Amino acid sequence: MRICAINEIEQEHLNEVISEMKIMGEPTIRAYYTGEQYIAIEGSHRLAACSLLGMTPNVIEINEDTEIMEHDVEDLPTPATGRDFMEYLGNTTPWYYDFNQIKGKGTEGENNGRQF
């Protein structure tokens, strides 16, 4: 499964995240599922670190109506919804990571019936 990241990776921060993940293990990120791929609303560095360390992130899926209080998009107001987030990004998801299996933690907000 593909997870798209929204921010460019800064090497110094990536190195810090890798060090933390070696101790703490696989991270959890929140992501919007488009029907074909996930778009992470946070955790670009955690995704890159997972890829480099051979880990798979745990995903909390958000939907269009989920209110997002924290995210990694500087120009998007807070709170925002999953719909706001996807409209803001449009088709711009230049960084992505492929993982064999996504480990789901369920959904945030309303249950949309997706199985992990």
PDB file of N, CA and C in Angstrom:
ATOM      1  N   MET A   1       0.844  -1.175   0.000  1.00  0.00           N
ATOM      2  CA  MET A   1       0.000   0.000   0.000  1.00  0.00           C
ATOM      3  C   MET A   1       0.886   1.233   0.000  1.00  0.00           C
ATOM      4  N   ARG A   2       0.469   2.244  -0.706  1.00  0.00           N
ATOM      5  CA  ARG A   2       1.222   3.483  -0.829  1.00  0.00           C
ATOM      6  C   ARG A   2       0.713   4.498   0.188  1.00  0.00           C
ATOM      7  N   ILE A   3       1.673   5.171   0.841  1.00  0.00           N
ATOM      8  CA  ILE A   3       1.355   6.294   1.714  1.00  0.00           C
ATOM      9  C   ILE A   3       2.121   7.497   1.191  1.00  0.00           C
ATOM     10  N   CYS A   4       1.405   8.553   0.869  1.00  0.00           N
ATOM     11  CA  CYS A   4       2.033   9.773   0.379  1.00  0.00           C
ATOM     12  C   CYS A   4       2.332  10.707   1.543  1.00  0.00           C
ATOM     13  N   ALA A   5       3.519  11.297   1.501  1.00  0.00           N
ATOM     14  CA  ALA A   5       3.932  12.278   2.503  1.00  0.00           C
ATOM     15  C   ALA A   5       3.751  13.672   1.913  1.00  0.00           C
ATOM     16  N   ILE A   6       3.532  14.645   2.780  1.00  0.00           N
ATOM     17  CA  ILE A   6       3.213  15.979   2.288  1.00  0.00           C
ATOM     18  C   ILE A   6       4.366  16.970   2.394  1.00  0.00           C
ATOM     19  N   ASN A   7       5.403  16.615   3.115  1.00  0.00           N
ATOM     20  CA  ASN A   7       6.506  17.554   3.312  1.00  0.00           C
ATOM     21  C   ASN A   7       7.829  16.967   2.858  1.00  0.00           C
ATOM     22  N   GLU A   8       8.691  17.841   2.391  1.00  0.00           N
ATOM     23  CA  GLU A   8      10.041  17.447   2.016  1.00  0.00           C
ATOM     24  C   GLU A   8      10.817  17.051   3.278  1.00  0.00           C
ATOM     25  N   ILE A   9      11.724  16.122   3.129  1.00  0.00           N
ATOM     26  CA  ILE A   9      12.478  15.593   4.266  1.00  0.00           C
ATOM     27  C   ILE A   9      13.731  16.427   4.514  1.00  0.00           C
ATOM     28  N   GLU A  10      13.916  16.798   5.787  1.00  0.00           N
ATOM     29  CA  GLU A  10      15.131  17.478   6.221  1.00  0.00           C
ATOM     30  C   GLU A  10      16.017  16.436   6.893  1.00  0.00           C
ATOM     31  N   GLN A  11      17.221  16.257   6.395  1.00  0.00           N
ATOM     32  CA  GLN A  11      18.095  15.162   6.829  1.00  0.00           C
ATOM     33  C   GLN A  11      18.374  15.177   8.333  1.00  0.00           C
ATOM     34  N   GLU A  12      18.634  16.333   8.906  1.00  0.00           N
ATOM     35  CA  GLU A  12      18.947  16.399  10.339  1.00  0.00           C
ATOM     36  C   GLU A  12      17.772  15.894  11.183  1.00  0.00           C
ATOM     37  N   HIS A  13      16.572  16.347  10.832  1.00  0.00           N
ATOM     38  CA  HIS A  13      15.383  15.891  11.572  1.00  0.00           C
ATOM     39  C   HIS A  13      15.139  14.400  11.328  1.00  0.00           C
ATOM     40  N   LEU A  14      15.352  13.947  10.107  1.00  0.00           N
ATOM     41  CA  LEU A  14      15.190  12.527   9.806  1.00  0.00           C
ATOM     42  C   LEU A  14      16.113  11.681  10.676  1.00  0.00           C
ATOM     43  N   ASN A  15      17.352  12.104  10.834  1.00  0.00           N
ATOM     44  CA  ASN A  15      18.298  11.362  11.673  1.00  0.00           C
ATOM     45  C   ASN A  15      17.808  11.267  13.116  1.00  0.00           C
ATOM     46  N   GLU A  16      17.216  12.351  13.632  1.00  0.00           N
ATOM     47  CA  GLU A  16      16.659  12.337  14.991  1.00  0.00           C
ATOM     48  C   GLU A  16      15.501  11.352  15.095  1.00  0.00           C
ATOM     49  N   VAL A  17      14.630  11.375  14.100  1.00  0.00           N
ATOM     50  CA  VAL A  17      13.461  10.482  14.099  1.00  0.00           C
ATOM     51  C   VAL A  17      13.907   9.026  14.011  1.00  0.00           C
ATOM     52  N   ILE A  18      14.901   8.737  13.194  1.00  0.00           N
ATOM     53  CA  ILE A  18      15.420   7.371  13.077  1.00  0.00           C
ATOM     54  C   ILE A  18      15.938   6.896  14.427  1.00  0.00           C
ATOM     55  N   SER A  19      16.682   7.735  15.111  1.00  0.00           N
ATOM     56  CA  SER A  19      17.213   7.365  16.432  1.00  0.00           C
ATOM     57  C   SER A  19      16.083   7.052  17.409  1.00  0.00           C
ATOM     58  N   GLU A  20      15.050   7.888  17.415  1.00  0.00           N
ATOM     59  CA  GLU A  20      13.904   7.663  18.301  1.00  0.00           C
ATOM     60  C   GLU A  20      13.176   6.368  17.954  1.00  0.00           C
ATOM     61  N   MET A  21      12.970   6.126  16.655  1.00  0.00           N
ATOM     62  CA  MET A  21      12.223   4.943  16.237  1.00  0.00           C
ATOM     63  C   MET A  21      12.982   3.656  16.518  1.00  0.00           C
ATOM     64  N   LYS A  22      14.303   3.695  16.532  1.00  0.00           N
ATOM     65  CA  LYS A  22      15.086   2.503  16.878  1.00  0.00           C
ATOM     66  C   LYS A  22      14.800   2.081  18.312  1.00  0.00           C
ATOM     67  N   ILE A  23      14.437   3.036  19.145  1.00  0.00           N
ATOM     68  CA  ILE A  23      14.114   2.747  20.546  1.00  0.00           C
ATOM     69  C   ILE A  23      12.619   2.477  20.719  1.00  0.00           C
ATOM     70  N   MET A  24      11.786   3.320  20.120  1.00  0.00           N
ATOM     71  CA  MET A  24      10.343   3.276  20.366  1.00  0.00           C
ATOM     72  C   MET A  24       9.573   2.361  19.423  1.00  0.00           C
ATOM     73  N   GLY A  25      10.161   1.986  18.308  1.00  0.00           N
ATOM     74  CA  GLY A  25       9.472   1.108  17.368  1.00  0.00           C
ATOM     75  C   GLY A  25       8.628   1.863  16.359  1.00  0.00           C
ATOM     76  N   GLU A  26       7.717   1.131  15.740  1.00  0.00           N
ATOM     77  CA  GLU A  26       6.906   1.671  14.650  1.00  0.00           C
ATOM     78  C   GLU A  26       5.992   2.791  15.128  1.00  0.00           C
ATOM     79  N   PRO A  27       5.927   3.876  14.360  1.00  0.00           N
ATOM     80  CA  PRO A  27       5.085   4.998  14.751  1.00  0.00           C
ATOM     81  C   PRO A  27       3.643   4.834  14.297  1.00  0.00           C
ATOM     82  N   THR A  28       2.803   5.686  14.825  1.00  0.00           N
ATOM     83  CA  THR A  28       1.417   5.789  14.385  1.00  0.00           C
ATOM     84  C   THR A  28       1.254   7.143  13.705  1.00  0.00           C
ATOM     85  N   ILE A  29       0.615   7.138  12.554  1.00  0.00           N
ATOM     86  CA  ILE A  29       0.334   8.380  11.833  1.00  0.00           C
ATOM     87  C   ILE A  29      -1.144   8.419  11.470  1.00  0.00           C
ATOM     88  N   ARG A  30      -1.642   9.610  11.241  1.00  0.00           N
ATOM     89  CA  ARG A  30      -3.013   9.782  10.762  1.00  0.00           C
ATOM     90  C   ARG A  30      -2.948  10.030   9.263  1.00  0.00           C
ATOM     91  N   ALA A  31      -3.856   9.380   8.531  1.00  0.00           N
ATOM     92  CA  ALA A  31      -3.839   9.498   7.075  1.00  0.00           C
ATOM     93  C   ALA A  31      -5.253   9.385   6.519  1.00  0.00           C
ATOM     94  N   TYR A  32      -5.445  10.030   5.385  1.00  0.00           N
ATOM     95  CA  TYR A  32      -6.713   9.996   4.656  1.00  0.00           C
ATOM     96  C   TYR A  32      -6.591   8.932   3.569  1.00  0.00           C
ATOM     97  N   TYR A  33      -7.568   8.043   3.470  1.00  0.00           N
ATOM     98  CA  TYR A  33      -7.546   7.001   2.449  1.00  0.00           C
ATOM     99  C   TYR A  33      -8.374   7.455   1.252  1.00  0.00           C
ATOM    100  N   THR A  34      -7.756   7.492   0.074  1.00  0.00           N
ATOM    101  CA  THR A  34      -8.433   7.985  -1.130  1.00  0.00           C
ATOM    102  C   THR A  34      -9.179   6.893  -1.885  1.00  0.00           C
ATOM    103  N   GLY A  35      -9.036   5.669  -1.446  1.00  0.00           N
ATOM    104  CA  GLY A  35      -9.581   4.537  -2.188  1.00  0.00           C
ATOM    105  C   GLY A  35      -8.478   3.794  -2.926  1.00  0.00           C
ATOM    106  N   GLU A  36      -7.365   4.463  -3.128  1.00  0.00           N
ATOM    107  CA  GLU A  36      -6.216   3.857  -3.802  1.00  0.00           C
ATOM    108  C   GLU A  36      -4.944   3.959  -2.982  1.00  0.00           C
ATOM    109  N   GLN A  37      -4.835   5.004  -2.191  1.00  0.00           N
ATOM    110  CA  GLN A  37      -3.624   5.215  -1.403  1.00  0.00           C
ATOM    111  C   GLN A  37      -3.961   6.063  -0.184  1.00  0.00           C
ATOM    112  N   TYR A  38      -3.025   6.102   0.763  1.00  0.00           N
ATOM    113  CA  TYR A  38      -3.164   6.956   1.928  1.00  0.00           C
ATOM    114  C   TYR A  38      -2.411   8.254   1.686  1.00  0.00           C
ATOM    115  N   ILE A  39      -2.958   9.365   2.204  1.00  0.00           N
ATOM    116  CA  ILE A  39      -2.276  10.648   2.211  1.00  0.00           C
ATOM    117  C   ILE A  39      -2.081  10.994   3.689  1.00  0.00           C
ATOM    118  N   ALA A  40      -0.829  11.022   4.130  1.00  0.00           N
ATOM    119  CA  ALA A  40      -0.542  11.296   5.533  1.00  0.00           C
ATOM    120  C   ALA A  40      -0.748  12.775   5.827  1.00  0.00           C
ATOM    121  N   ILE A  41      -1.457  13.088   6.910  1.00  0.00           N
ATOM    122  CA  ILE A  41      -1.635  14.490   7.286  1.00  0.00           C
ATOM    123  C   ILE A  41      -0.525  14.936   8.226  1.00  0.00           C
ATOM    124  N   GLU A  42       0.338  14.019   8.583  1.00  0.00           N
ATOM    125  CA  GLU A  42       1.444  14.282   9.499  1.00  0.00           C
ATOM    126  C   GLU A  42       2.492  13.194   9.281  1.00  0.00           C
ATOM    127  N   GLY A  43       3.661  13.396   9.839  1.00  0.00           N
ATOM    128  CA  GLY A  43       4.626  12.307   9.916  1.00  0.00           C
ATOM    129  C   GLY A  43       5.458  12.023   8.685  1.00  0.00           C
ATOM    130  N   SER A  44       5.753  13.019   7.878  1.00  0.00           N
ATOM    131  CA  SER A  44       6.577  12.776   6.690  1.00  0.00           C
ATOM    132  C   SER A  44       7.926  12.167   7.069  1.00  0.00           C
ATOM    133  N   HIS A  45       8.529  12.666   8.135  1.00  0.00           N
ATOM    134  CA  HIS A  45       9.822  12.136   8.563  1.00  0.00           C
ATOM    135  C   HIS A  45       9.681  10.726   9.146  1.00  0.00           C
ATOM    136  N   ARG A  46       8.568  10.464   9.833  1.00  0.00           N
ATOM    137  CA  ARG A  46       8.331   9.120  10.368  1.00  0.00           C
ATOM    138  C   ARG A  46       8.143   8.108   9.241  1.00  0.00           C
ATOM    139  N   LEU A  47       7.473   8.532   8.152  1.00  0.00           N
ATOM    140  CA  LEU A  47       7.315   7.639   7.005  1.00  0.00           C
ATOM    141  C   LEU A  47       8.660   7.323   6.361  1.00  0.00           C
ATOM    142  N   ALA A  48       9.483   8.353   6.185  1.00  0.00           N
ATOM    143  CA  ALA A  48      10.808   8.146   5.596  1.00  0.00           C
ATOM    144  C   ALA A  48      11.648   7.224   6.484  1.00  0.00           C
ATOM    145  N   ALA A  49      11.582   7.441   7.796  1.00  0.00           N
ATOM    146  CA  ALA A  49      12.340   6.604   8.724  1.00  0.00           C
ATOM    147  C   ALA A  49      11.854   5.158   8.679  1.00  0.00           C
ATOM    148  N   CYS A  50      10.546   4.962   8.622  1.00  0.00           N
ATOM    149  CA  CYS A  50       9.998   3.598   8.506  1.00  0.00           C
ATOM    150  C   CYS A  50      10.557   2.910   7.270  1.00  0.00           C
ATOM    151  N   SER A  51      10.547   3.618   6.172  1.00  0.00           N
ATOM    152  CA  SER A  51      11.034   3.044   4.925  1.00  0.00           C
ATOM    153  C   SER A  51      12.505   2.639   5.050  1.00  0.00           C
ATOM    154  N   LEU A  52      13.309   3.506   5.629  1.00  0.00           N
ATOM    155  CA  LEU A  52      14.735   3.224   5.780  1.00  0.00           C
ATOM    156  C   LEU A  52      15.022   2.108   6.775  1.00  0.00           C
ATOM    157  N   LEU A  53      14.181   1.986   7.807  1.00  0.00           N
ATOM    158  CA  LEU A  53      14.393   0.981   8.850  1.00  0.00           C
ATOM    159  C   LEU A  53      13.670  -0.333   8.581  1.00  0.00           C
ATOM    160  N   GLY A  54      12.913  -0.398   7.494  1.00  0.00           N
ATOM    161  CA  GLY A  54      12.171  -1.616   7.184  1.00  0.00           C
ATOM    162  C   GLY A  54      10.965  -1.829   8.089  1.00  0.00           C
ATOM    163  N   MET A  55      10.428  -0.758   8.625  1.00  0.00           N
ATOM    164  CA  MET A  55       9.250  -0.823   9.496  1.00  0.00           C
ATOM    165  C   MET A  55       8.006  -0.449   8.694  1.00  0.00           C
ATOM    166  N   THR A  56       6.855  -0.751   9.253  1.00  0.00           N
ATOM    167  CA  THR A  56       5.579  -0.362   8.669  1.00  0.00           C
ATOM    168  C   THR A  56       4.833   0.476   9.694  1.00  0.00           C
ATOM    169  N   PRO A  57       4.390   1.669   9.326  1.00  0.00           N
ATOM    170  CA  PRO A  57       3.687   2.510  10.298  1.00  0.00           C
ATOM    171  C   PRO A  57       2.290   1.976  10.607  1.00  0.00           C
ATOM    172  N   ASN A  58       1.823   2.302  11.792  1.00  0.00           N
ATOM    173  CA  ASN A  58       0.427   2.070  12.144  1.00  0.00           C
ATOM    174  C   ASN A  58      -0.347   3.284  11.649  1.00  0.00           C
ATOM    175  N   VAL A  59      -1.526   3.043  11.080  1.00  0.00           N
ATOM    176  CA  VAL A  59      -2.300   4.130  10.485  1.00  0.00           C
ATOM    177  C   VAL A  59      -3.633   4.290  11.197  1.00  0.00           C
ATOM    178  N   ILE A  60      -3.914   5.524  11.581  1.00  0.00           N
ATOM    179  CA  ILE A  60      -5.257   5.892  12.025  1.00  0.00           C
ATOM    180  C   ILE A  60      -5.881   6.620  10.848  1.00  0.00           C
ATOM    181  N   GLU A  61      -6.930   6.048  10.319  1.00  0.00           N
ATOM    182  CA  GLU A  61      -7.555   6.622   9.128  1.00  0.00           C
ATOM    183  C   GLU A  61      -8.526   7.732   9.507  1.00  0.00           C
ATOM    184  N   ILE A  62      -8.401   8.850   8.807  1.00  0.00           N
ATOM    185  CA  ILE A  62      -9.368   9.932   8.961  1.00  0.00           C
ATOM    186  C   ILE A  62     -10.271   9.932   7.736  1.00  0.00           C
ATOM    187  N   ASN A  63     -11.433  10.539   7.865  1.00  0.00           N
ATOM    188  CA  ASN A  63     -12.322  10.644   6.707  1.00  0.00           C
ATOM    189  C   ASN A  63     -12.602  12.113   6.421  1.00  0.00           C
ATOM    190  N   GLU A  64     -13.455  12.382   5.458  1.00  0.00           N
ATOM    191  CA  GLU A  64     -13.715  13.757   5.023  1.00  0.00           C
ATOM    192  C   GLU A  64     -14.254  14.647   6.140  1.00  0.00           C
ATOM    193  N   ASP A  65     -14.992  14.065   7.074  1.00  0.00           N
ATOM    194  CA  ASP A  65     -15.620  14.860   8.121  1.00  0.00           C
ATOM    195  C   ASP A  65     -14.836  14.903   9.419  1.00  0.00           C
ATOM    196  N   THR A  66     -13.732  14.185   9.491  1.00  0.00           N
ATOM    197  CA  THR A  66     -12.919  14.189  10.702  1.00  0.00           C
ATOM    198  C   THR A  66     -12.349  15.582  10.933  1.00  0.00           C
ATOM    199  N   GLU A  67     -12.535  16.107  12.130  1.00  0.00           N
ATOM    200  CA  GLU A  67     -11.952  17.401  12.457  1.00  0.00           C
ATOM    201  C   GLU A  67     -10.492  17.190  12.847  1.00  0.00           C
ATOM    202  N   ILE A  68      -9.623  17.900  12.175  1.00  0.00           N
ATOM    203  CA  ILE A  68      -8.191  17.746  12.382  1.00  0.00           C
ATOM    204  C   ILE A  68      -7.699  18.954  13.175  1.00  0.00           C
ATOM    205  N   MET A  69      -7.252  18.693  14.391  1.00  0.00           N
ATOM    206  CA  MET A  69      -6.785  19.774  15.249  1.00  0.00           C
ATOM    207  C   MET A  69      -5.293  20.047  15.073  1.00  0.00           C
ATOM    208  N   GLU A  70      -4.543  19.027  14.662  1.00  0.00           N
ATOM    209  CA  GLU A  70      -3.112  19.185  14.438  1.00  0.00           C
ATOM    210  C   GLU A  70      -2.745  18.497  13.138  1.00  0.00           C
ATOM    211  N   HIS A  71      -1.918  19.162  12.346  1.00  0.00           N
ATOM    212  CA  HIS A  71      -1.467  18.599  11.079  1.00  0.00           C
ATOM    213  C   HIS A  71      -0.162  19.267  10.702  1.00  0.00           C
ATOM    214  N   ASP A  72       0.453  18.809   9.638  1.00  0.00           N
ATOM    215  CA  ASP A  72       1.756  19.316   9.215  1.00  0.00           C
ATOM    216  C   ASP A  72       1.687  20.250   8.009  1.00  0.00           C
ATOM    217  N   VAL A  73       0.541  20.873   7.769  1.00  0.00           N
ATOM    218  CA  VAL A  73       0.407  21.784   6.631  1.00  0.00           C
ATOM    219  C   VAL A  73       0.344  23.212   7.168  1.00  0.00           C
ATOM    220  N   GLU A  74       1.389  23.962   6.945  1.00  0.00           N
ATOM    221  CA  GLU A  74       1.490  25.313   7.511  1.00  0.00           C
ATOM    222  C   GLU A  74       0.369  26.242   7.067  1.00  0.00           C
ATOM    223  N   ASP A  75      -0.031  26.185   5.808  1.00  0.00           N
ATOM    224  CA  ASP A  75      -1.004  27.136   5.269  1.00  0.00           C
ATOM    225  C   ASP A  75      -2.463  26.733   5.469  1.00  0.00           C
ATOM    226  N   LEU A  76      -2.700  25.588   6.060  1.00  0.00           N
ATOM    227  CA  LEU A  76      -4.070  25.130   6.274  1.00  0.00           C
ATOM    228  C   LEU A  76      -4.494  25.505   7.693  1.00  0.00           C
ATOM    229  N   PRO A  77      -5.642  26.185   7.831  1.00  0.00           N
ATOM    230  CA  PRO A  77      -6.062  26.593   9.179  1.00  0.00           C
ATOM    231  C   PRO A  77      -6.389  25.400  10.062  1.00  0.00           C
ATOM    232  N   THR A  78      -6.382  25.650  11.349  1.00  0.00           N
ATOM    233  CA  THR A  78      -6.737  24.632  12.329  1.00  0.00           C
ATOM    234  C   THR A  78      -7.901  25.173  13.136  1.00  0.00           C
ATOM    235  N   PRO A  79      -8.964  24.426  13.392  1.00  0.00           N
ATOM    236  CA  PRO A  79      -9.140  23.050  12.910  1.00  0.00           C
ATOM    237  C   PRO A  79      -9.531  23.015  11.436  1.00  0.00           C
ATOM    238  N   ALA A  80      -9.297  21.878  10.842  1.00  0.00           N
ATOM    239  CA  ALA A  80      -9.675  21.623   9.453  1.00  0.00           C
ATOM    240  C   ALA A  80     -10.329  20.250   9.418  1.00  0.00           C
ATOM    241  N   THR A  81     -10.929  19.918   8.304  1.00  0.00           N
ATOM    242  CA  THR A  81     -11.496  18.581   8.145  1.00  0.00           C
ATOM    243  C   THR A  81     -10.671  17.812   7.127  1.00  0.00           C
ATOM    244  N   GLY A  82     -10.901  16.503   7.040  1.00  0.00           N
ATOM    245  CA  GLY A  82     -10.251  15.703   6.012  1.00  0.00           C
ATOM    246  C   GLY A  82     -10.534  16.252   4.626  1.00  0.00           C
ATOM    247  N   ARG A  83     -11.752  16.732   4.410  1.00  0.00           N
ATOM    248  CA  ARG A  83     -12.128  17.314   3.119  1.00  0.00           C
ATOM    249  C   ARG A  83     -11.285  18.568   2.840  1.00  0.00           C
ATOM    250  N   ASP A  84     -11.133  19.444   3.847  1.00  0.00           N
ATOM    251  CA  ASP A  84     -10.306  20.654   3.691  1.00  0.00           C
ATOM    252  C   ASP A  84      -8.873  20.263   3.317  1.00  0.00           C
ATOM    253  N   PHE A  85      -8.384  19.270   3.991  1.00  0.00           N
ATOM    254  CA  PHE A  85      -7.017  18.819   3.778  1.00  0.00           C
ATOM    255  C   PHE A  85      -6.816  18.346   2.342  1.00  0.00           C
ATOM    256  N   MET A  86      -7.723  17.516   1.849  1.00  0.00           N
ATOM    257  CA  MET A  86      -7.591  16.982   0.498  1.00  0.00           C
ATOM    258  C   MET A  86      -7.781  18.076  -0.545  1.00  0.00           C
ATOM    259  N   GLU A  87      -8.690  19.017  -0.316  1.00  0.00           N
ATOM    260  CA  GLU A  87      -8.867  20.124  -1.254  1.00  0.00           C
ATOM    261  C   GLU A  87      -7.618  20.996  -1.308  1.00  0.00           C
ATOM    262  N   TYR A  88      -6.995  21.223  -0.164  1.00  0.00           N
ATOM    263  CA  TYR A  88      -5.782  22.030  -0.117  1.00  0.00           C
ATOM    264  C   TYR A  88      -4.647  21.372  -0.906  1.00  0.00           C
ATOM    265  N   LEU A  89      -4.482  20.067  -0.716  1.00  0.00           N
ATOM    266  CA  LEU A  89      -3.387  19.362  -1.385  1.00  0.00           C
ATOM    267  C   LEU A  89      -3.623  19.186  -2.873  1.00  0.00           C
ATOM    268  N   GLY A  90      -4.867  19.032  -3.269  1.00  0.00           N
ATOM    269  CA  GLY A  90      -5.161  18.769  -4.680  1.00  0.00           C
ATOM    270  C   GLY A  90      -4.475  17.493  -5.120  1.00  0.00           C
ATOM    271  N   ASN A  91      -3.733  17.532  -6.183  1.00  0.00           N
ATOM    272  CA  ASN A  91      -3.023  16.346  -6.681  1.00  0.00           C
ATOM    273  C   ASN A  91      -1.530  16.399  -6.381  1.00  0.00           C
ATOM    274  N   THR A  92      -1.122  17.199  -5.414  1.00  0.00           N
ATOM    275  CA  THR A  92       0.298  17.346  -5.121  1.00  0.00           C
ATOM    276  C   THR A  92       0.720  16.433  -3.979  1.00  0.00           C
ATOM    277  N   THR A  93       1.198  15.279  -4.290  1.00  0.00           N
ATOM    278  CA  THR A  93       1.741  14.354  -3.296  1.00  0.00           C
ATOM    279  C   THR A  93       3.038  13.776  -3.855  1.00  0.00           C
ATOM    280  N   PRO A  94       4.094  14.592  -3.898  1.00  0.00           N
ATOM    281  CA  PRO A  94       5.316  14.182  -4.585  1.00  0.00           C
ATOM    282  C   PRO A  94       6.149  13.116  -3.884  1.00  0.00           C
ATOM    283  N   TRP A  95       5.999  12.945  -2.592  1.00  0.00           N
ATOM    284  CA  TRP A  95       6.792  11.956  -1.871  1.00  0.00           C
ATOM    285  C   TRP A  95       5.882  10.818  -1.428  1.00  0.00           C
ATOM    286  N   TYR A  96       6.267   9.613  -1.732  1.00  0.00           N
ATOM    287  CA  TYR A  96       5.450   8.485  -1.295  1.00  0.00           C
ATOM    288  C   TYR A  96       6.335   7.304  -0.941  1.00  0.00           C
ATOM    289  N   TYR A  97       5.759   6.422  -0.126  1.00  0.00           N
ATOM    290  CA  TYR A  97       6.449   5.231   0.349  1.00  0.00           C
ATOM    291  C   TYR A  97       5.507   4.053   0.160  1.00  0.00           C
ATOM    292  N   ASP A  98       6.031   2.948  -0.325  1.00  0.00           N
ATOM    293  CA  ASP A  98       5.240   1.738  -0.481  1.00  0.00           C
ATOM    294  C   ASP A  98       5.562   0.780   0.651  1.00  0.00           C
ATOM    295  N   PHE A  99       4.522   0.296   1.316  1.00  0.00           N
ATOM    296  CA  PHE A  99       4.657  -0.670   2.397  1.00  0.00           C
ATOM    297  C   PHE A  99       3.846  -1.896   2.020  1.00  0.00           C
ATOM    298  N   ASN A 100       4.353  -3.074   2.372  1.00  0.00           N
ATOM    299  CA  ASN A 100       3.662  -4.318   2.023  1.00  0.00           C
ATOM    300  C   ASN A 100       2.320  -4.430   2.714  1.00  0.00           C
ATOM    301  N   GLN A 101       2.251  -3.989   3.945  1.00  0.00           N
ATOM    302  CA  GLN A 101       1.017  -4.128   4.702  1.00  0.00           C
ATOM    303  C   GLN A 101       0.896  -2.928   5.625  1.00  0.00           C
ATOM    304  N   ILE A 102      -0.258  -2.342   5.674  1.00  0.00           N
ATOM    305  CA  ILE A 102      -0.499  -1.222   6.574  1.00  0.00           C
ATOM    306  C   ILE A 102      -1.132  -1.772   7.836  1.00  0.00           C
ATOM    307  N   LYS A 103      -0.589  -1.394   8.968  1.00  0.00           N
ATOM    308  CA  LYS A 103      -1.130  -1.828  10.250  1.00  0.00           C
ATOM    309  C   LYS A 103      -2.110  -0.775  10.729  1.00  0.00           C
ATOM    310  N   GLY A 104      -3.387  -1.100  10.709  1.00  0.00           N
ATOM    311  CA  GLY A 104      -4.414  -0.138  11.079  1.00  0.00           C
ATOM    312  C   GLY A 104      -4.655  -0.078  12.560  1.00  0.00           C
ATOM    313  N   LYS A 105      -4.945   1.103  13.017  1.00  0.00           N
ATOM    314  CA  LYS A 105      -5.317   1.334  14.405  1.00  0.00           C
ATOM    315  C   LYS A 105      -6.783   1.730  14.491  1.00  0.00           C
ATOM    316  N   GLY A 106      -7.515   1.629  13.395  1.00  0.00           N
ATOM    317  CA  GLY A 106      -8.909   2.040  13.386  1.00  0.00           C
ATOM    318  C   GLY A 106      -9.071   3.391  12.744  1.00  0.00           C
ATOM    319  N   THR A 107     -10.201   4.016  13.013  1.00  0.00           N
ATOM    320  CA  THR A 107     -10.474   5.311  12.410  1.00  0.00           C
ATOM    321  C   THR A 107     -10.619   6.361  13.489  1.00  0.00           C
ATOM    322  N   GLU A 108     -10.412   7.592  13.096  1.00  0.00           N
ATOM    323  CA  GLU A 108     -10.608   8.719  13.984  1.00  0.00           C
ATOM    324  C   GLU A 108     -11.886   9.394  13.529  1.00  0.00           C
ATOM    325  N   GLY A 109     -12.753   9.731  14.433  1.00  0.00           N
ATOM    326  CA  GLY A 109     -14.036  10.308  14.042  1.00  0.00           C
ATOM    327  C   GLY A 109     -15.021   9.191  13.759  1.00  0.00           C
ATOM    328  N   GLU A 110     -15.902   9.416  12.816  1.00  0.00           N
ATOM    329  CA  GLU A 110     -16.915   8.417  12.484  1.00  0.00           C
ATOM    330  C   GLU A 110     -16.283   7.185  11.863  1.00  0.00           C
ATOM    331  N   ASN A 111     -16.840   6.029  12.149  1.00  0.00           N
ATOM    332  CA  ASN A 111     -16.368   4.788  11.543  1.00  0.00           C
ATOM    333  C   ASN A 111     -16.904   4.725  10.122  1.00  0.00           C
ATOM    334  N   ASN A 112     -16.005   4.629   9.168  1.00  0.00           N
ATOM    335  CA  ASN A 112     -16.444   4.604   7.771  1.00  0.00           C
ATOM    336  C   ASN A 112     -16.485   3.191   7.208  1.00  0.00           C
ATOM    337  N   GLY A 113     -16.327   2.202   8.061  1.00  0.00           N
ATOM    338  CA  GLY A 113     -16.501   0.826   7.626  1.00  0.00           C
ATOM    339  C   GLY A 113     -15.297   0.179   6.982  1.00  0.00           C
ATOM    340  N   ARG A 114     -14.172   0.872   6.853  1.00  0.00           N
ATOM    341  CA  ARG A 114     -12.984   0.256   6.238  1.00  0.00           C
ATOM    342  C   ARG A 114     -12.395  -0.770   7.181  1.00  0.00           C
ATOM    343  N   GLN A 115     -11.946  -1.828   6.618  1.00  0.00           N
ATOM    344  CA  GLN A 115     -11.273  -2.875   7.389  1.00  0.00           C
ATOM    345  C   GLN A 115      -9.776  -2.759   7.202  1.00  0.00           C
ATOM    346  N   PHE A 116      -9.032  -2.950   8.266  1.00  0.00           N
ATOM    347  CA  PHE A 116      -7.573  -2.899   8.164  1.00  0.00           C
ATOM    348  C   PHE A 116      -7.022  -4.302   8.249  1.00  0.00           C
TER     349      PHE A 116
END
